[in-house]
Amino acid sequence: MLEQEERLTAERGQPARRAEIKASGDFHLALSAMAKNAIMLRFMDELVARSSLVIALYGQSSVSSCGHSDHRDIVDALEAGDLASACRLMLHHIDHIEADLDLRIKKSADLKEALNL
């Protein structure tokens, strides 16, 4: 999943941007599923659906909504068993996403355009 997401991040254009948003959402859902917590997974499923739409509409179109190495760094920390670093990296990741979404300025994309309908 990480390799696919990294490949999509390097590509340009709306189709790649949509695929990157989906790949990022899929990563978040897969990570949540590993926790085997049904409540958290249901919450993340709803959060990913909503945030993907917000990112498609209001995110900076030339920049990944997730840091280029955020997901890889989190997985590396989890694989190393370094839970303190994984938690710190996850909090940094959330802060990074929030900073990239500037909802104070309404961009000119509409829902049909964002969903390519």
N, C-alpha and C. Protein backbone atom coordinates (compact mmCIF):
# COMPACT_ATOMS: atom_id res chain seq x y z
N MET A 1 0.82 -1.19 0.00
CA MET A 1 0.00 0.00 0.00
C MET A 1 0.86 1.26 0.00
N LEU A 2 1.92 1.23 0.79
CA LEU A 2 2.79 2.40 0.86
C LEU A 2 3.47 2.67 -0.47
N GLU A 3 3.92 1.61 -1.15
CA GLU A 3 4.57 1.79 -2.45
C GLU A 3 3.61 2.39 -3.47
N GLN A 4 2.37 1.92 -3.48
CA GLN A 4 1.38 2.46 -4.40
C GLN A 4 1.11 3.93 -4.08
N GLU A 5 0.96 4.24 -2.82
CA GLU A 5 0.71 5.63 -2.42
C GLU A 5 1.88 6.53 -2.81
N GLU A 6 3.10 6.06 -2.59
CA GLU A 6 4.28 6.84 -2.96
C GLU A 6 4.36 7.05 -4.47
N ARG A 7 4.01 6.03 -5.24
CA ARG A 7 4.01 6.15 -6.70
C ARG A 7 2.99 7.19 -7.14
N LEU A 8 1.80 7.15 -6.56
CA LEU A 8 0.75 8.10 -6.92
C LEU A 8 1.11 9.53 -6.53
N THR A 9 1.82 9.68 -5.43
CA THR A 9 2.24 11.01 -4.97
C THR A 9 3.16 11.67 -6.00
N ALA A 10 3.95 10.86 -6.69
CA ALA A 10 4.88 11.39 -7.67
C ALA A 10 4.20 11.76 -8.99
N GLU A 11 3.01 11.23 -9.23
CA GLU A 11 2.29 11.51 -10.47
C GLU A 11 1.55 12.84 -10.38
N ARG A 12 1.22 13.40 -11.51
CA ARG A 12 0.51 14.67 -11.57
C ARG A 12 -0.81 14.49 -12.30
N GLY A 13 -1.72 15.41 -12.07
CA GLY A 13 -3.00 15.40 -12.75
C GLY A 13 -4.13 14.94 -11.85
N GLN A 14 -5.36 15.30 -12.23
CA GLN A 14 -6.53 14.98 -11.42
C GLN A 14 -6.75 13.48 -11.19
N PRO A 15 -6.59 12.62 -12.22
CA PRO A 15 -6.78 11.19 -11.96
C PRO A 15 -5.82 10.66 -10.90
N ALA A 16 -4.56 11.09 -10.97
CA ALA A 16 -3.58 10.66 -9.97
C ALA A 16 -3.92 11.23 -8.60
N ARG A 17 -4.39 12.46 -8.56
CA ARG A 17 -4.76 13.10 -7.29
C ARG A 17 -5.90 12.34 -6.62
N ARG A 18 -6.93 11.99 -7.41
CA ARG A 18 -8.05 11.22 -6.85
C ARG A 18 -7.58 9.85 -6.36
N ALA A 19 -6.72 9.19 -7.16
CA ALA A 19 -6.21 7.87 -6.77
C ALA A 19 -5.35 7.97 -5.52
N GLU A 20 -4.60 9.05 -5.39
CA GLU A 20 -3.77 9.25 -4.20
C GLU A 20 -4.64 9.45 -2.96
N ILE A 21 -5.70 10.22 -3.08
CA ILE A 21 -6.61 10.43 -1.95
C ILE A 21 -7.22 9.11 -1.53
N LYS A 22 -7.64 8.30 -2.49
CA LYS A 22 -8.22 6.99 -2.18
C LYS A 22 -7.19 6.07 -1.53
N ALA A 23 -5.96 6.04 -2.07
CA ALA A 23 -4.91 5.19 -1.51
C ALA A 23 -4.59 5.60 -0.07
N SER A 24 -4.57 6.89 0.18
CA SER A 24 -4.31 7.38 1.53
C SER A 24 -5.43 6.94 2.48
N GLY A 25 -6.67 7.08 2.04
CA GLY A 25 -7.80 6.63 2.85
C GLY A 25 -7.75 5.14 3.12
N ASP A 26 -7.39 4.37 2.09
CA ASP A 26 -7.28 2.92 2.25
C ASP A 26 -6.22 2.56 3.29
N PHE A 27 -5.11 3.32 3.29
CA PHE A 27 -4.05 3.08 4.28
C PHE A 27 -4.59 3.31 5.69
N HIS A 28 -5.30 4.42 5.89
CA HIS A 28 -5.84 4.73 7.22
C HIS A 28 -6.80 3.64 7.67
N LEU A 29 -7.62 3.16 6.76
CA LEU A 29 -8.59 2.10 7.11
C LEU A 29 -7.89 0.78 7.42
N ALA A 30 -6.86 0.45 6.66
CA ALA A 30 -6.11 -0.79 6.92
C ALA A 30 -5.42 -0.74 8.27
N LEU A 31 -4.83 0.40 8.58
CA LEU A 31 -4.16 0.56 9.87
C LEU A 31 -5.18 0.45 11.01
N SER A 32 -6.34 1.04 10.82
CA SER A 32 -7.39 0.96 11.84
C SER A 32 -7.89 -0.47 12.01
N ALA A 33 -8.02 -1.19 10.91
CA ALA A 33 -8.50 -2.58 10.97
C ALA A 33 -7.53 -3.46 11.76
N MET A 34 -6.25 -3.14 11.70
CA MET A 34 -5.25 -3.93 12.44
C MET A 34 -5.44 -3.84 13.94
N ALA A 35 -6.06 -2.77 14.40
CA ALA A 35 -6.29 -2.60 15.84
C ALA A 35 -7.41 -3.51 16.33
N LYS A 36 -8.20 -4.05 15.41
CA LYS A 36 -9.31 -4.95 15.75
C LYS A 36 -10.27 -4.33 16.76
N ASN A 37 -10.57 -3.05 16.52
CA ASN A 37 -11.50 -2.32 17.37
C ASN A 37 -12.62 -1.84 16.46
N ALA A 38 -13.78 -2.50 16.55
CA ALA A 38 -14.89 -2.23 15.64
C ALA A 38 -15.37 -0.78 15.72
N ILE A 39 -15.38 -0.20 16.91
CA ILE A 39 -15.83 1.18 17.06
C ILE A 39 -14.86 2.13 16.37
N MET A 40 -13.56 1.93 16.58
CA MET A 40 -12.58 2.79 15.94
C MET A 40 -12.65 2.63 14.42
N LEU A 41 -12.80 1.40 13.94
CA LEU A 41 -12.86 1.18 12.50
C LEU A 41 -14.07 1.86 11.88
N ARG A 42 -15.21 1.78 12.54
CA ARG A 42 -16.41 2.45 12.03
C ARG A 42 -16.22 3.97 12.03
N PHE A 43 -15.62 4.50 13.09
CA PHE A 43 -15.32 5.93 13.15
C PHE A 43 -14.38 6.34 12.02
N MET A 44 -13.31 5.56 11.82
CA MET A 44 -12.35 5.88 10.77
C MET A 44 -12.97 5.78 9.39
N ASP A 45 -13.86 4.81 9.20
CA ASP A 45 -14.54 4.67 7.91
C ASP A 45 -15.33 5.94 7.59
N GLU A 46 -16.06 6.45 8.57
CA GLU A 46 -16.82 7.69 8.37
C GLU A 46 -15.88 8.89 8.21
N LEU A 47 -14.83 8.94 9.00
CA LEU A 47 -13.89 10.05 8.93
C LEU A 47 -13.17 10.08 7.59
N VAL A 48 -12.74 8.92 7.10
CA VAL A 48 -12.04 8.86 5.81
C VAL A 48 -12.98 9.30 4.69
N ALA A 49 -14.22 8.84 4.73
CA ALA A 49 -15.18 9.23 3.68
C ALA A 49 -15.36 10.75 3.66
N ARG A 50 -15.55 11.34 4.81
CA ARG A 50 -15.78 12.78 4.88
C ARG A 50 -14.50 13.58 4.57
N SER A 51 -13.40 13.17 5.16
CA SER A 51 -12.17 13.94 4.96
C SER A 51 -11.66 13.82 3.53
N SER A 52 -11.88 12.68 2.89
CA SER A 52 -11.47 12.54 1.49
C SER A 52 -12.21 13.54 0.61
N LEU A 53 -13.48 13.72 0.89
CA LEU A 53 -14.27 14.70 0.14
C LEU A 53 -13.77 16.12 0.41
N VAL A 54 -13.50 16.44 1.66
CA VAL A 54 -13.01 17.77 2.01
C VAL A 54 -11.64 18.02 1.35
N ILE A 55 -10.77 17.01 1.38
CA ILE A 55 -9.46 17.16 0.77
C ILE A 55 -9.59 17.35 -0.74
N ALA A 56 -10.50 16.60 -1.37
CA ALA A 56 -10.70 16.75 -2.82
C ALA A 56 -11.21 18.14 -3.16
N LEU A 57 -12.07 18.68 -2.32
CA LEU A 57 -12.65 20.00 -2.60
C LEU A 57 -11.75 21.15 -2.21
N TYR A 58 -11.09 21.05 -1.05
CA TYR A 58 -10.39 22.21 -0.49
C TYR A 58 -8.90 22.03 -0.30
N GLY A 59 -8.39 20.83 -0.48
CA GLY A 59 -6.96 20.60 -0.28
C GLY A 59 -6.14 21.25 -1.37
N GLN A 60 -4.89 21.47 -1.08
CA GLN A 60 -3.98 22.02 -2.08
C GLN A 60 -3.77 20.97 -3.15
N SER A 61 -4.16 21.25 -4.37
CA SER A 61 -4.16 20.24 -5.42
C SER A 61 -2.77 19.75 -5.79
N SER A 62 -1.74 20.52 -5.52
CA SER A 62 -0.39 20.10 -5.91
C SER A 62 0.38 19.44 -4.78
N VAL A 63 -0.21 19.34 -3.61
CA VAL A 63 0.49 18.82 -2.45
C VAL A 63 -0.30 17.67 -1.86
N SER A 64 0.41 16.62 -1.47
CA SER A 64 -0.26 15.49 -0.82
C SER A 64 -0.87 15.96 0.49
N SER A 65 -2.05 15.46 0.79
CA SER A 65 -2.71 15.82 2.04
C SER A 65 -1.99 15.20 3.23
N CYS A 66 -1.37 14.07 3.01
CA CYS A 66 -0.56 13.44 4.04
C CYS A 66 0.90 13.69 3.67
N GLY A 67 1.73 13.91 4.66
CA GLY A 67 3.14 14.14 4.38
C GLY A 67 3.72 13.00 3.57
N HIS A 68 4.67 13.31 2.72
CA HIS A 68 5.21 12.32 1.82
C HIS A 68 5.77 11.10 2.54
N SER A 69 6.29 11.27 3.72
CA SER A 69 6.87 10.13 4.44
C SER A 69 6.12 9.79 5.72
N ASP A 70 5.03 10.50 6.02
CA ASP A 70 4.31 10.29 7.28
C ASP A 70 3.91 8.83 7.46
N HIS A 71 3.26 8.25 6.47
CA HIS A 71 2.77 6.88 6.62
C HIS A 71 3.92 5.90 6.77
N ARG A 72 4.95 6.07 5.96
CA ARG A 72 6.12 5.18 6.04
C ARG A 72 6.76 5.29 7.43
N ASP A 73 6.91 6.50 7.96
CA ASP A 73 7.53 6.70 9.27
C ASP A 73 6.70 6.04 10.38
N ILE A 74 5.38 6.14 10.29
CA ILE A 74 4.51 5.52 11.29
C ILE A 74 4.64 4.01 11.25
N VAL A 75 4.61 3.44 10.06
CA VAL A 75 4.74 1.98 9.91
C VAL A 75 6.10 1.52 10.43
N ASP A 76 7.16 2.25 10.11
CA ASP A 76 8.51 1.89 10.58
C ASP A 76 8.55 1.88 12.11
N ALA A 77 7.94 2.87 12.74
CA ALA A 77 7.93 2.93 14.21
C ALA A 77 7.13 1.76 14.79
N LEU A 78 5.99 1.45 14.18
CA LEU A 78 5.19 0.31 14.65
C LEU A 78 5.94 -1.00 14.49
N GLU A 79 6.59 -1.19 13.35
CA GLU A 79 7.35 -2.42 13.12
C GLU A 79 8.51 -2.56 14.09
N ALA A 80 9.09 -1.43 14.50
CA ALA A 80 10.19 -1.45 15.45
C ALA A 80 9.71 -1.62 16.89
N GLY A 81 8.38 -1.57 17.08
CA GLY A 81 7.83 -1.68 18.43
C GLY A 81 7.99 -0.41 19.24
N ASP A 82 8.28 0.69 18.58
CA ASP A 82 8.47 1.97 19.26
C ASP A 82 7.13 2.72 19.30
N LEU A 83 6.30 2.36 20.26
CA LEU A 83 4.96 2.92 20.33
C LEU A 83 4.96 4.41 20.66
N ALA A 84 5.92 4.85 21.46
CA ALA A 84 6.00 6.28 21.79
C ALA A 84 6.26 7.09 20.52
N SER A 85 7.18 6.63 19.69
CA SER A 85 7.45 7.34 18.43
C SER A 85 6.25 7.26 17.49
N ALA A 86 5.60 6.10 17.43
CA ALA A 86 4.43 5.94 16.56
C ALA A 86 3.34 6.92 16.98
N CYS A 87 3.10 7.07 18.26
CA CYS A 87 2.09 8.01 18.75
C CYS A 87 2.47 9.45 18.42
N ARG A 88 3.74 9.78 18.64
CA ARG A 88 4.22 11.13 18.33
C ARG A 88 4.08 11.41 16.84
N LEU A 89 4.43 10.44 16.01
CA LEU A 89 4.33 10.61 14.56
C LEU A 89 2.88 10.73 14.11
N MET A 90 1.98 9.98 14.74
CA MET A 90 0.56 10.08 14.39
C MET A 90 0.01 11.46 14.73
N LEU A 91 0.38 11.99 15.88
CA LEU A 91 -0.07 13.34 16.25
C LEU A 91 0.49 14.39 15.30
N HIS A 92 1.75 14.23 14.93
CA HIS A 92 2.36 15.14 13.94
C HIS A 92 1.61 15.03 12.61
N HIS A 93 1.25 13.82 12.24
CA HIS A 93 0.53 13.57 10.99
C HIS A 93 -0.82 14.30 10.99
N ILE A 94 -1.54 14.23 12.08
CA ILE A 94 -2.84 14.90 12.19
C ILE A 94 -2.64 16.42 12.09
N ASP A 95 -1.62 16.94 12.78
CA ASP A 95 -1.34 18.38 12.71
C ASP A 95 -0.98 18.80 11.28
N HIS A 96 -0.24 17.96 10.59
CA HIS A 96 0.19 18.25 9.21
C HIS A 96 -1.02 18.34 8.29
N ILE A 97 -1.95 17.41 8.42
CA ILE A 97 -3.15 17.42 7.57
C ILE A 97 -3.97 18.66 7.84
N GLU A 98 -4.16 18.99 9.11
CA GLU A 98 -4.93 20.18 9.48
C GLU A 98 -4.32 21.45 8.90
N ALA A 99 -3.00 21.54 8.93
CA ALA A 99 -2.32 22.72 8.41
C ALA A 99 -2.46 22.84 6.90
N ASP A 100 -2.53 21.70 6.20
CA ASP A 100 -2.65 21.72 4.74
C ASP A 100 -4.04 22.12 4.27
N LEU A 101 -5.03 21.94 5.11
CA LEU A 101 -6.40 22.29 4.73
C LEU A 101 -6.73 23.67 5.27
N ASP A 102 -6.74 24.64 4.40
CA ASP A 102 -7.09 25.99 4.81
C ASP A 102 -8.54 26.21 4.39
N LEU A 103 -9.46 25.99 5.32
CA LEU A 103 -10.88 26.09 5.01
C LEU A 103 -11.40 27.52 5.11
N ARG A 104 -10.52 28.46 5.44
CA ARG A 104 -10.96 29.85 5.51
C ARG A 104 -11.22 30.43 4.13
N ILE A 105 -10.54 29.90 3.13
CA ILE A 105 -10.70 30.40 1.77
C ILE A 105 -11.46 29.34 0.97
N LYS A 106 -12.59 29.73 0.45
CA LYS A 106 -13.39 28.79 -0.34
C LYS A 106 -12.81 28.70 -1.74
N LYS A 107 -12.38 27.50 -2.10
CA LYS A 107 -11.85 27.28 -3.43
C LYS A 107 -13.00 27.14 -4.41
N SER A 108 -12.74 27.18 -5.70
CA SER A 108 -13.80 27.22 -6.70
C SER A 108 -14.23 25.85 -7.20
N ALA A 109 -13.79 24.77 -6.62
CA ALA A 109 -14.22 23.44 -7.07
C ALA A 109 -15.62 23.13 -6.56
N ASP A 110 -16.40 22.44 -7.39
CA ASP A 110 -17.70 22.02 -6.92
C ASP A 110 -17.69 20.49 -6.76
N LEU A 111 -18.74 19.94 -6.19
CA LEU A 111 -18.80 18.53 -5.86
C LEU A 111 -18.67 17.66 -7.10
N LYS A 112 -19.37 18.00 -8.20
CA LYS A 112 -19.30 17.20 -9.41
C LYS A 112 -17.88 17.18 -9.96
N GLU A 113 -17.20 18.32 -9.91
CA GLU A 113 -15.83 18.40 -10.40
C GLU A 113 -14.89 17.55 -9.54
N ALA A 114 -15.06 17.62 -8.23
CA ALA A 114 -14.18 16.87 -7.32
C ALA A 114 -14.34 15.37 -7.48
N LEU A 115 -15.56 14.93 -7.78
CA LEU A 115 -15.84 13.50 -7.93
C LEU A 115 -15.72 13.05 -9.37
N ASN A 116 -15.38 13.97 -10.26
CA ASN A 116 -15.23 13.69 -11.69
C ASN A 116 -16.51 13.11 -12.28
N LEU A 117 -17.65 13.74 -11.97
CA LEU A 117 -18.93 13.29 -12.48
C LEU A 117 -19.34 14.09 -13.69
